[in-house]
């Protein structure tokens, strides 16, 4: 198993927890976030708002939230693994 650089333990832990903490509300409030995005685009340009809202849906906003959670968990696991390797 490759060793993990001890200098990456703390940043991985901090950013991993932050990614999980941001990803969970994105998944929970995906419909509202999608509607707010379309509404804000409508304020700028009605044509671009329609172009964005046609092929997309709240599903893709939720997918981005799930990606945040998964990446955060991978980062936290790497930090824990690095701490275990450092302690050994």
Protein backbone atom coordinates (compact mmCIF):
# COMPACT_ATOMS: atom_id res chain seq x y z
CA UNK A 1 0.00 0.00 0.00
CA UNK A 2 1.41 3.44 -0.88
CA UNK A 3 2.21 5.75 1.98
CA UNK A 4 0.32 9.00 2.35
CA UNK A 5 2.31 12.20 2.80
CA UNK A 6 1.81 13.47 6.37
CA UNK A 7 1.48 17.03 5.07
CA UNK A 8 -1.81 16.14 3.38
CA UNK A 9 -3.57 14.71 6.44
CA UNK A 10 -4.91 17.98 7.90
CA UNK A 11 -5.96 19.57 4.56
CA UNK A 12 -7.72 16.36 3.51
CA UNK A 13 -9.53 16.20 6.83
CA UNK A 14 -10.64 19.84 6.76
CA UNK A 15 -11.67 19.95 3.10
CA UNK A 16 -13.26 16.49 3.27
CA UNK A 17 -15.51 17.44 6.16
CA UNK A 18 -16.32 20.72 4.41
CA UNK A 19 -17.24 18.90 1.17
CA UNK A 20 -19.56 16.53 3.04
CA UNK A 21 -21.09 19.45 4.95
CA UNK A 22 -21.78 21.32 1.68
CA UNK A 23 -22.91 18.28 -0.31
CA UNK A 24 -25.66 17.15 2.05
CA UNK A 25 -27.66 20.43 1.89
CA UNK A 26 -27.21 20.49 -1.89
CA UNK A 27 -28.87 17.07 -2.12
CA UNK A 28 -31.65 18.03 0.31
CA UNK A 29 -32.48 21.41 -1.29
CA UNK A 30 -31.77 20.50 -4.94
CA UNK A 31 -35.18 21.59 -6.23
CA UNK A 32 -34.97 25.01 -4.63
CA UNK A 33 -31.39 25.48 -5.82
CA UNK A 34 -32.38 24.55 -9.36
CA UNK A 35 -35.33 26.95 -9.33
CA UNK A 36 -33.17 29.74 -7.91
CA UNK A 37 -30.55 29.20 -10.61
CA UNK A 38 -33.14 29.38 -13.39
CA UNK A 39 -34.80 32.41 -11.78
CA UNK A 40 -31.46 34.25 -11.47
CA UNK A 41 -30.62 33.50 -15.09
CA UNK A 42 -34.06 34.79 -16.07
CA UNK A 43 -33.24 38.11 -14.45
CA UNK A 44 -30.16 38.40 -16.65
CA UNK A 45 -31.41 36.97 -19.91
CA UNK A 46 -34.70 35.18 -20.54
CA UNK A 47 -33.37 33.26 -23.57
CA UNK A 48 -30.42 31.77 -21.65
CA UNK A 49 -32.73 30.85 -18.78
CA UNK A 50 -34.93 28.81 -21.10
CA UNK A 51 -31.87 27.21 -22.71
CA UNK A 52 -30.50 26.13 -19.34
CA UNK A 53 -33.75 24.87 -17.87
CA UNK A 54 -34.74 22.76 -20.88
CA UNK A 55 -32.02 20.03 -20.82
CA UNK A 56 -31.37 20.15 -17.07
CA UNK A 57 -33.33 19.22 -13.99
CA UNK A 58 -33.01 19.12 -10.20
CA UNK A 59 -31.68 15.57 -10.62
CA UNK A 60 -28.35 16.94 -11.87
CA UNK A 61 -28.09 19.36 -8.97
CA UNK A 62 -28.58 16.39 -6.64
CA UNK A 63 -25.96 14.44 -8.56
CA UNK A 64 -23.47 17.24 -7.96
CA UNK A 65 -24.32 17.13 -4.24
CA UNK A 66 -23.77 13.38 -4.12
CA UNK A 67 -20.42 13.88 -5.87
CA UNK A 68 -19.43 16.39 -3.18
CA UNK A 69 -20.35 13.91 -0.44
CA UNK A 70 -18.47 11.02 -2.07
CA UNK A 71 -15.34 13.09 -2.69
CA UNK A 72 -15.48 14.39 0.88
CA UNK A 73 -15.72 10.87 2.25
CA UNK A 74 -12.75 9.79 0.13
CA UNK A 75 -10.73 12.73 1.44
CA UNK A 76 -11.63 11.96 5.06
CA UNK A 77 -10.75 8.29 4.54
CA UNK A 78 -7.39 9.33 3.10
CA UNK A 79 -6.76 11.56 6.10
CA UNK A 80 -7.63 8.77 8.53
CA UNK A 81 -5.46 6.30 6.63
CA UNK A 82 -2.57 8.80 6.66
CA UNK A 83 -2.96 9.34 10.41
CA UNK A 84 -2.93 5.57 10.99
CA UNK A 85 0.20 5.21 8.86
CA UNK A 86 1.84 8.08 10.71
CA UNK A 87 1.01 6.54 14.09
CA UNK A 88 2.39 3.13 13.12
